[in-house]
Amino acid sequence: MIKSIRITLLILSMLYFSNVCAQSNDYIVKSGNDTVYIDKIKLKYDKIKVKYKNENITYSFDKINCFYLSKSEELHVKVKSPNAHMENARKEIFMIRLTNNGKVNLLKYSESGTGFSGGIETYKLCFINILNSKPELIDIPSDNGIFKESLSYEAFIQLKDYLYGNTEILKTLDNLRTKKHKKLTDKIIAVINDYNAWESTKS
């Protein structure tokens, strides 16, 4: 009898913890900086649709500061659109922040377009900005390649301008430019994170 109770309790415990683990850790941060954990997030052009406690809610862009997708471990932050100056273009868009929160942000943006074969292809681009300034396109791989790569000269010059004032950081950038490295994107992210950490000690 006691053994049967123990087995039942064990099964119930396993079911409980599996249910907890299955719950989504996705969240949105509203414009008032309130964080709300939700079940599902879907980005639809100029709106964000979420599922919260079996209720579907739609938010406009101006009501959301950022949102996090736990499955892909991606934080989507709202930034000024690089094309905001163009007619009928959105003033703000969401980009994936690759770096830690800090002065300089490396961002990734995915855009679908027609490929050479006529099919739909997704283009991933990297942008960089300081705090809330308009992101600037930068020639950095959006993901790590399978081969060794080196930092392009154009990206090196841009990063020098953004990560100024720290000689050790500049030495690391020069090494990334002059030598080929595996996981180049990760190394660039690490350099920017190091710079942001250094910047935070100055204030």
C-alpha atoms as a PDB file:
ATOM      1  CA  MET A   1       0.000   0.000   0.000  1.00  0.00           C
ATOM      2  CA  ILE A   2       2.755   2.450   1.011  1.00  0.00           C
ATOM      3  CA  LYS A   3       4.743   1.496  -2.077  1.00  0.00           C
ATOM      4  CA  SER A   4       1.688   2.160  -4.271  1.00  0.00           C
ATOM      5  CA  ILE A   5       1.214   5.615  -2.688  1.00  0.00           C
ATOM      6  CA  ARG A   6       4.875   6.459  -3.279  1.00  0.00           C
ATOM      7  CA  ILE A   7       4.642   5.462  -6.931  1.00  0.00           C
ATOM      8  CA  THR A   8       1.478   7.551  -7.344  1.00  0.00           C
ATOM      9  CA  LEU A   9       3.139  10.575  -5.728  1.00  0.00           C
ATOM     10  CA  LEU A  10       6.195  10.129  -7.943  1.00  0.00           C
ATOM     11  CA  ILE A  11       4.061  10.045 -11.090  1.00  0.00           C
ATOM     12  CA  LEU A  12       2.116  13.140  -9.990  1.00  0.00           C
ATOM     13  CA  SER A  13       5.371  14.964  -9.263  1.00  0.00           C
ATOM     14  CA  MET A  14       6.764  14.078 -12.688  1.00  0.00           C
ATOM     15  CA  LEU A  15       3.579  15.263 -14.382  1.00  0.00           C
ATOM     16  CA  TYR A  16       3.665  18.525 -12.430  1.00  0.00           C
ATOM     17  CA  PHE A  17       7.282  19.316 -13.248  1.00  0.00           C
ATOM     18  CA  SER A  18       6.881  18.356 -16.906  1.00  0.00           C
ATOM     19  CA  ASN A  19       3.933  20.749 -17.088  1.00  0.00           C
ATOM     20  CA  VAL A  20       5.960  23.534 -15.471  1.00  0.00           C
ATOM     21  CA  CYS A  21       8.847  22.971 -17.882  1.00  0.00           C
ATOM     22  CA  ALA A  22       6.446  22.982 -20.825  1.00  0.00           C
ATOM     23  CA  GLN A  23       5.087  26.395 -19.887  1.00  0.00           C
ATOM     24  CA  SER A  24       6.315  29.244 -22.041  1.00  0.00           C
ATOM     25  CA  ASN A  25       8.875  31.698 -20.736  1.00  0.00           C
ATOM     26  CA  ASP A  26       8.042  34.143 -23.514  1.00  0.00           C
ATOM     27  CA  TYR A  27       7.320  37.659 -22.343  1.00  0.00           C
ATOM     28  CA  ILE A  28       6.549  41.162 -23.521  1.00  0.00           C
ATOM     29  CA  VAL A  29       7.621  44.458 -21.981  1.00  0.00           C
ATOM     30  CA  LYS A  30       4.948  47.100 -22.389  1.00  0.00           C
ATOM     31  CA  SER A  31       5.569  50.796 -22.954  1.00  0.00           C
ATOM     32  CA  GLY A  32       5.079  51.383 -19.221  1.00  0.00           C
ATOM     33  CA  ASN A  33       7.899  48.859 -18.567  1.00  0.00           C
ATOM     34  CA  ASP A  34       5.475  46.235 -17.235  1.00  0.00           C
ATOM     35  CA  THR A  35       6.690  42.700 -17.982  1.00  0.00           C
ATOM     36  CA  VAL A  36       3.999  40.143 -18.834  1.00  0.00           C
ATOM     37  CA  TYR A  37       4.737  36.444 -19.350  1.00  0.00           C
ATOM     38  CA  ILE A  38       2.548  35.077 -22.100  1.00  0.00           C
ATOM     39  CA  ASP A  39       1.860  31.781 -23.873  1.00  0.00           C
ATOM     40  CA  LYS A  40       2.472  32.773 -27.482  1.00  0.00           C
ATOM     41  CA  ILE A  41       3.744  35.754 -29.490  1.00  0.00           C
ATOM     42  CA  LYS A  42       3.227  36.503 -33.165  1.00  0.00           C
ATOM     43  CA  LEU A  43       4.562  39.542 -35.019  1.00  0.00           C
ATOM     44  CA  LYS A  44       2.222  40.749 -37.766  1.00  0.00           C
ATOM     45  CA  TYR A  45       3.622  43.712 -39.713  1.00  0.00           C
ATOM     46  CA  ASP A  46       2.638  46.648 -37.469  1.00  0.00           C
ATOM     47  CA  LYS A  47       0.973  44.637 -34.696  1.00  0.00           C
ATOM     48  CA  ILE A  48       1.957  42.088 -32.068  1.00  0.00           C
ATOM     49  CA  LYS A  49      -0.510  39.315 -31.312  1.00  0.00           C
ATOM     50  CA  VAL A  50      -0.167  37.428 -28.035  1.00  0.00           C
ATOM     51  CA  LYS A  51      -2.007  34.612 -26.329  1.00  0.00           C
ATOM     52  CA  TYR A  52      -2.374  35.142 -22.592  1.00  0.00           C
ATOM     53  CA  LYS A  53      -4.443  32.880 -20.337  1.00  0.00           C
ATOM     54  CA  ASN A  54      -6.366  31.523 -23.351  1.00  0.00           C
ATOM     55  CA  GLU A  55      -7.162  35.057 -24.488  1.00  0.00           C
ATOM     56  CA  ASN A  56      -5.902  36.552 -27.755  1.00  0.00           C
ATOM     57  CA  ILE A  57      -4.721  40.156 -27.423  1.00  0.00           C
ATOM     58  CA  THR A  58      -3.415  42.481 -30.135  1.00  0.00           C
ATOM     59  CA  TYR A  59      -0.993  45.327 -29.384  1.00  0.00           C
ATOM     60  CA  SER A  60       0.160  48.106 -31.670  1.00  0.00           C
ATOM     61  CA  PHE A  61       3.920  48.733 -31.963  1.00  0.00           C
ATOM     62  CA  ASP A  62       3.814  51.802 -29.738  1.00  0.00           C
ATOM     63  CA  LYS A  63       2.473  49.727 -26.809  1.00  0.00           C
ATOM     64  CA  ILE A  64       5.414  47.269 -26.726  1.00  0.00           C
ATOM     65  CA  ASN A  65       9.086  48.010 -25.989  1.00  0.00           C
ATOM     66  CA  CYS A  66      10.419  44.503 -26.583  1.00  0.00           C
ATOM     67  CA  PHE A  67       9.501  40.834 -26.500  1.00  0.00           C
ATOM     68  CA  TYR A  68      11.400  37.627 -25.768  1.00  0.00           C
ATOM     69  CA  LEU A  69      11.015  34.245 -27.470  1.00  0.00           C
ATOM     70  CA  SER A  70      12.328  31.533 -25.167  1.00  0.00           C
ATOM     71  CA  LYS A  71      12.453  28.754 -27.783  1.00  0.00           C
ATOM     72  CA  SER A  72      14.961  30.626 -29.944  1.00  0.00           C
ATOM     73  CA  GLU A  73      16.359  32.633 -26.990  1.00  0.00           C
ATOM     74  CA  GLU A  74      15.895  35.874 -28.927  1.00  0.00           C
ATOM     75  CA  LEU A  75      15.159  39.307 -27.509  1.00  0.00           C
ATOM     76  CA  HIS A  76      13.392  41.507 -30.061  1.00  0.00           C
ATOM     77  CA  VAL A  77      13.832  45.195 -29.259  1.00  0.00           C
ATOM     78  CA  LYS A  78      12.040  48.132 -30.827  1.00  0.00           C
ATOM     79  CA  VAL A  79      14.378  50.489 -32.688  1.00  0.00           C
ATOM     80  CA  LYS A  80      14.131  53.361 -35.130  1.00  0.00           C
ATOM     81  CA  SER A  81      13.746  52.012 -38.637  1.00  0.00           C
ATOM     82  CA  PRO A  82      16.798  52.586 -40.887  1.00  0.00           C
ATOM     83  CA  ASN A  83      14.241  53.410 -43.618  1.00  0.00           C
ATOM     84  CA  ALA A  84      12.187  55.807 -41.492  1.00  0.00           C
ATOM     85  CA  HIS A  85      13.078  58.685 -43.838  1.00  0.00           C
ATOM     86  CA  MET A  86      11.343  56.956 -46.765  1.00  0.00           C
ATOM     87  CA  GLU A  87       7.734  57.681 -47.640  1.00  0.00           C
ATOM     88  CA  ASN A  88       5.210  55.236 -46.145  1.00  0.00           C
ATOM     89  CA  ALA A  89       7.972  53.406 -44.259  1.00  0.00           C
ATOM     90  CA  ARG A  90       7.449  52.364 -40.661  1.00  0.00           C
ATOM     91  CA  LYS A  91       9.107  54.648 -38.134  1.00  0.00           C
ATOM     92  CA  GLU A  92       9.974  51.782 -35.792  1.00  0.00           C
ATOM     93  CA  ILE A  93      10.667  48.083 -36.262  1.00  0.00           C
ATOM     94  CA  PHE A  94      11.778  45.167 -34.099  1.00  0.00           C
ATOM     95  CA  MET A  95      15.289  43.732 -34.371  1.00  0.00           C
ATOM     96  CA  ILE A  96      16.968  40.886 -32.501  1.00  0.00           C
ATOM     97  CA  ARG A  97      19.557  42.191 -30.058  1.00  0.00           C
ATOM     98  CA  LEU A  98      22.662  40.001 -30.162  1.00  0.00           C
ATOM     99  CA  THR A  99      24.635  41.786 -27.448  1.00  0.00           C
ATOM    100  CA  ASN A 100      24.013  42.385 -23.762  1.00  0.00           C
ATOM    101  CA  ASN A 101      22.173  45.509 -22.706  1.00  0.00           C
ATOM    102  CA  GLY A 102      24.622  48.402 -22.914  1.00  0.00           C
ATOM    103  CA  LYS A 103      25.762  51.487 -24.794  1.00  0.00           C
ATOM    104  CA  VAL A 104      26.508  49.756 -28.118  1.00  0.00           C
ATOM    105  CA  ASN A 105      24.043  47.268 -29.608  1.00  0.00           C
ATOM    106  CA  LEU A 106      24.620  44.718 -32.347  1.00  0.00           C
ATOM    107  CA  LEU A 107      21.286  43.856 -33.936  1.00  0.00           C
ATOM    108  CA  LYS A 108      20.013  41.309 -36.436  1.00  0.00           C
ATOM    109  CA  TYR A 109      17.134  41.860 -38.821  1.00  0.00           C
ATOM    110  CA  SER A 110      15.518  39.268 -41.074  1.00  0.00           C
ATOM    111  CA  GLU A 111      13.784  40.320 -44.262  1.00  0.00           C
ATOM    112  CA  SER A 112      12.117  38.173 -46.893  1.00  0.00           C
ATOM    113  CA  GLY A 113      12.602  38.839 -50.580  1.00  0.00           C
ATOM    114  CA  THR A 114      12.671  37.185 -53.992  1.00  0.00           C
ATOM    115  CA  GLY A 115      15.784  35.102 -54.621  1.00  0.00           C
ATOM    116  CA  PHE A 116      17.573  34.349 -57.896  1.00  0.00           C
ATOM    117  CA  SER A 117      15.453  31.235 -58.388  1.00  0.00           C
ATOM    118  CA  GLY A 118      12.262  33.252 -58.058  1.00  0.00           C
ATOM    119  CA  GLY A 119      11.395  31.767 -54.683  1.00  0.00           C
ATOM    120  CA  ILE A 120      11.136  33.560 -51.357  1.00  0.00           C
ATOM    121  CA  GLU A 121      14.409  33.825 -49.455  1.00  0.00           C
ATOM    122  CA  THR A 122      15.159  35.303 -46.048  1.00  0.00           C
ATOM    123  CA  TYR A 123      18.012  37.775 -45.834  1.00  0.00           C
ATOM    124  CA  LYS A 124      19.629  38.344 -42.447  1.00  0.00           C
ATOM    125  CA  LEU A 125      21.398  41.650 -41.939  1.00  0.00           C
ATOM    126  CA  CYS A 126      23.355  43.078 -39.035  1.00  0.00           C
ATOM    127  CA  PHE A 127      22.993  46.611 -37.727  1.00  0.00           C
ATOM    128  CA  ILE A 128      24.766  48.568 -35.013  1.00  0.00           C
ATOM    129  CA  ASN A 129      23.686  51.546 -32.945  1.00  0.00           C
ATOM    130  CA  ILE A 130      24.360  53.473 -29.757  1.00  0.00           C
ATOM    131  CA  LEU A 131      21.534  53.435 -27.208  1.00  0.00           C
ATOM    132  CA  ASN A 132      18.387  54.631 -29.008  1.00  0.00           C
ATOM    133  CA  SER A 133      19.989  56.039 -32.161  1.00  0.00           C
ATOM    134  CA  LYS A 134      18.995  54.873 -35.641  1.00  0.00           C
ATOM    135  CA  PRO A 135      20.703  51.536 -36.459  1.00  0.00           C
ATOM    136  CA  GLU A 136      23.394  51.558 -39.132  1.00  0.00           C
ATOM    137  CA  LEU A 137      24.002  48.625 -41.480  1.00  0.00           C
ATOM    138  CA  ILE A 138      27.304  46.847 -40.792  1.00  0.00           C
ATOM    139  CA  ASP A 139      29.074  44.165 -42.828  1.00  0.00           C
ATOM    140  CA  ILE A 140      29.117  41.413 -40.189  1.00  0.00           C
ATOM    141  CA  PRO A 141      27.845  37.829 -40.653  1.00  0.00           C
ATOM    142  CA  SER A 142      24.486  37.486 -38.894  1.00  0.00           C
ATOM    143  CA  ASP A 143      25.381  33.929 -37.851  1.00  0.00           C
ATOM    144  CA  ASN A 144      28.563  31.942 -37.368  1.00  0.00           C
ATOM    145  CA  GLY A 145      29.809  30.325 -40.575  1.00  0.00           C
ATOM    146  CA  ILE A 146      31.337  26.862 -40.845  1.00  0.00           C
ATOM    147  CA  PHE A 147      34.648  28.261 -42.104  1.00  0.00           C
ATOM    148  CA  LYS A 148      37.158  30.620 -40.565  1.00  0.00           C
ATOM    149  CA  GLU A 149      36.457  34.265 -41.381  1.00  0.00           C
ATOM    150  CA  SER A 150      38.059  37.627 -40.788  1.00  0.00           C
ATOM    151  CA  LEU A 151      36.466  40.980 -40.079  1.00  0.00           C
ATOM    152  CA  SER A 152      36.017  43.076 -43.213  1.00  0.00           C
ATOM    153  CA  TYR A 153      37.890  46.363 -43.395  1.00  0.00           C
ATOM    154  CA  GLU A 154      34.642  48.345 -43.626  1.00  0.00           C
ATOM    155  CA  ALA A 155      33.225  46.678 -40.499  1.00  0.00           C
ATOM    156  CA  PHE A 156      36.557  47.190 -38.720  1.00  0.00           C
ATOM    157  CA  ILE A 157      36.415  50.952 -39.373  1.00  0.00           C
ATOM    158  CA  GLN A 158      32.800  51.134 -38.182  1.00  0.00           C
ATOM    159  CA  LEU A 159      33.528  49.198 -34.999  1.00  0.00           C
ATOM    160  CA  LYS A 160      36.548  51.407 -34.277  1.00  0.00           C
ATOM    161  CA  ASP A 161      34.243  54.428 -34.364  1.00  0.00           C
ATOM    162  CA  TYR A 162      31.679  52.804 -32.071  1.00  0.00           C
ATOM    163  CA  LEU A 163      34.110  51.160 -29.634  1.00  0.00           C
ATOM    164  CA  TYR A 164      36.483  54.083 -29.178  1.00  0.00           C
ATOM    165  CA  GLY A 165      38.607  54.845 -26.146  1.00  0.00           C
ATOM    166  CA  ASN A 166      39.754  51.341 -25.165  1.00  0.00           C
ATOM    167  CA  THR A 167      43.137  50.271 -26.562  1.00  0.00           C
ATOM    168  CA  GLU A 168      42.696  46.593 -25.630  1.00  0.00           C
ATOM    169  CA  ILE A 169      39.391  46.454 -27.493  1.00  0.00           C
ATOM    170  CA  LEU A 170      41.030  48.027 -30.553  1.00  0.00           C
ATOM    171  CA  LYS A 171      43.828  45.440 -30.431  1.00  0.00           C
ATOM    172  CA  THR A 172      41.246  42.659 -30.392  1.00  0.00           C
ATOM    173  CA  LEU A 173      39.425  44.217 -33.352  1.00  0.00           C
ATOM    174  CA  ASP A 174      42.688  44.435 -35.274  1.00  0.00           C
ATOM    175  CA  ASN A 175      43.297  40.744 -34.590  1.00  0.00           C
ATOM    176  CA  LEU A 176      39.833  39.883 -35.900  1.00  0.00           C
ATOM    177  CA  ARG A 177      40.615  41.868 -39.056  1.00  0.00           C
ATOM    178  CA  THR A 178      44.099  40.522 -39.795  1.00  0.00           C
ATOM    179  CA  LYS A 179      43.494  36.847 -38.931  1.00  0.00           C
ATOM    180  CA  LYS A 180      40.741  34.376 -39.758  1.00  0.00           C
ATOM    181  CA  HIS A 181      38.689  33.016 -36.870  1.00  0.00           C
ATOM    182  CA  LYS A 182      36.054  30.382 -36.249  1.00  0.00           C
ATOM    183  CA  LYS A 183      32.728  31.689 -34.909  1.00  0.00           C
ATOM    184  CA  LEU A 184      33.577  35.243 -35.950  1.00  0.00           C
ATOM    185  CA  THR A 185      30.110  36.567 -35.090  1.00  0.00           C
ATOM    186  CA  ASP A 186      30.354  35.275 -31.514  1.00  0.00           C
ATOM    187  CA  LYS A 187      33.781  36.900 -31.133  1.00  0.00           C
ATOM    188  CA  ILE A 188      32.461  40.260 -32.354  1.00  0.00           C
ATOM    189  CA  ILE A 189      29.536  40.017 -29.921  1.00  0.00           C
ATOM    190  CA  ALA A 190      31.990  39.250 -27.093  1.00  0.00           C
ATOM    191  CA  VAL A 191      34.104  42.301 -27.996  1.00  0.00           C
ATOM    192  CA  ILE A 192      31.062  44.595 -27.902  1.00  0.00           C
ATOM    193  CA  ASN A 193      29.931  43.070 -24.587  1.00  0.00           C
ATOM    194  CA  ASP A 194      33.411  43.679 -23.146  1.00  0.00           C
ATOM    195  CA  TYR A 195      33.263  47.279 -24.335  1.00  0.00           C
ATOM    196  CA  ASN A 196      29.821  47.799 -22.788  1.00  0.00           C
ATOM    197  CA  ALA A 197      31.047  46.351 -19.488  1.00  0.00           C
ATOM    198  CA  TRP A 198      34.041  48.707 -19.591  1.00  0.00           C
ATOM    199  CA  GLU A 199      31.787  51.673 -20.418  1.00  0.00           C
ATOM    200  CA  SER A 200      29.518  50.866 -17.468  1.00  0.00           C
ATOM    201  CA  THR A 201      32.451  51.201 -15.044  1.00  0.00           C
ATOM    202  CA  LYS A 202      33.076  54.778 -16.203  1.00  0.00           C
ATOM    203  CA  SER A 203      29.671  56.092 -15.141  1.00  0.00           C
END
